[in-house]
Amino acid sequence: MTYHAKVIAGGKIVIPADLRREFGIKDGDMLILERDAEGGLSIMTFEQSVRDSQRRARAIFGSDYSVDQFLKDRRADWGEE
């Protein structure tokens, strides 16, 4: 479905209520705006950004790679183990 948003005074974007409800966006929430490869604009919630980062990390390191394993590997690189 396509939605339209209006830019009002001060560069504020009015996000349609249906989308705010669907994505759980509340007053004061932080949103991430990002240019995409085609020159477009992507808007996501902070939680969506975290999940995307986690997905990218799993693609690189695998799903069984933990923070503990990462730290162990770094310590080994630094000669601490």
Protein backbone atom coordinates (compact mmCIF):
# COMPACT_ATOMS: atom_id res chain seq x y z
CA MET A 1 0.00 0.00 0.00
CA THR A 2 1.21 3.50 -0.75
CA TYR A 3 0.94 6.31 1.79
CA HIS A 4 1.56 10.01 1.48
CA ALA A 5 3.18 12.22 4.09
CA LYS A 6 3.14 15.98 4.24
CA VAL A 7 6.09 18.17 5.16
CA ILE A 8 4.96 21.02 7.40
CA ALA A 9 6.67 24.08 8.87
CA GLY A 10 10.17 23.43 10.17
CA GLY A 11 10.67 20.38 7.92
CA LYS A 12 8.47 18.15 10.08
CA ILE A 13 6.97 15.10 8.38
CA VAL A 14 3.47 14.02 9.28
CA ILE A 15 3.35 10.21 9.22
CA PRO A 16 -0.14 8.82 8.58
CA ALA A 17 -1.86 7.50 11.72
CA ASP A 18 -2.33 4.01 10.22
CA LEU A 19 1.43 3.64 9.81
CA ARG A 20 2.17 5.04 13.26
CA ARG A 21 -0.18 2.47 14.79
CA GLU A 22 1.14 -0.39 12.65
CA PHE A 23 4.76 0.31 13.57
CA GLY A 24 4.10 1.41 17.14
CA ILE A 25 5.51 4.89 16.56
CA LYS A 26 4.74 7.20 19.49
CA ASP A 27 5.42 10.88 20.13
CA GLY A 28 9.08 11.35 20.97
CA ASP A 29 10.26 8.09 19.33
CA MET A 30 13.54 8.25 17.42
CA LEU A 31 13.42 7.36 13.73
CA ILE A 32 16.37 6.63 11.46
CA LEU A 33 16.43 8.23 8.00
CA GLU A 34 18.79 6.73 5.46
CA ARG A 35 19.58 7.35 1.79
CA ASP A 36 19.23 4.18 -0.23
CA ALA A 37 21.43 3.13 -3.17
CA GLU A 38 18.95 4.51 -5.70
CA GLY A 39 18.89 7.96 -4.09
CA GLY A 40 15.62 7.39 -2.24
CA LEU A 41 14.85 7.84 1.43
CA SER A 42 14.20 5.07 3.92
CA ILE A 43 12.61 5.67 7.32
CA MET A 44 12.77 3.05 10.07
CA THR A 45 12.29 2.83 13.77
CA PHE A 46 15.26 2.40 16.08
CA GLU A 47 14.12 -1.18 16.76
CA GLN A 48 13.98 -1.93 13.02
CA SER A 49 17.50 -0.55 12.63
CA VAL A 50 18.80 -2.78 15.43
CA ARG A 51 17.13 -5.86 13.90
CA ASP A 52 18.60 -4.98 10.49
CA SER A 53 22.09 -4.63 12.02
CA GLN A 54 21.67 -7.99 13.77
CA ARG A 55 20.57 -9.61 10.49
CA ARG A 56 23.62 -8.20 8.71
CA ALA A 57 25.94 -9.41 11.48
CA ARG A 58 24.44 -12.92 11.32
CA ALA A 59 25.02 -12.96 7.56
CA ILE A 60 28.69 -12.14 8.13
CA PHE A 61 29.49 -14.13 11.28
CA GLY A 62 26.81 -16.83 11.30
CA SER A 63 23.88 -17.28 13.66
CA ASP A 64 25.88 -19.11 16.35
CA TYR A 65 28.51 -16.36 16.74
CA SER A 66 27.99 -14.64 20.09
CA VAL A 67 29.29 -11.47 21.70
CA ASP A 68 31.31 -13.68 24.05
CA GLN A 69 32.93 -15.43 21.09
CA PHE A 70 33.64 -12.08 19.42
CA LEU A 71 35.35 -10.78 22.58
CA LYS A 72 37.34 -13.99 22.94
CA ASP A 73 38.50 -13.70 19.33
CA ARG A 74 39.49 -10.04 19.79
CA ARG A 75 41.42 -10.84 22.98
CA ALA A 76 43.25 -13.59 21.12
CA ASP A 77 44.08 -11.12 18.33
CA TRP A 78 45.44 -8.71 20.93
CA GLY A 79 47.47 -11.43 22.64
CA GLU A 80 45.47 -11.31 25.85
CA GLU A 81 44.63 -15.02 25.92
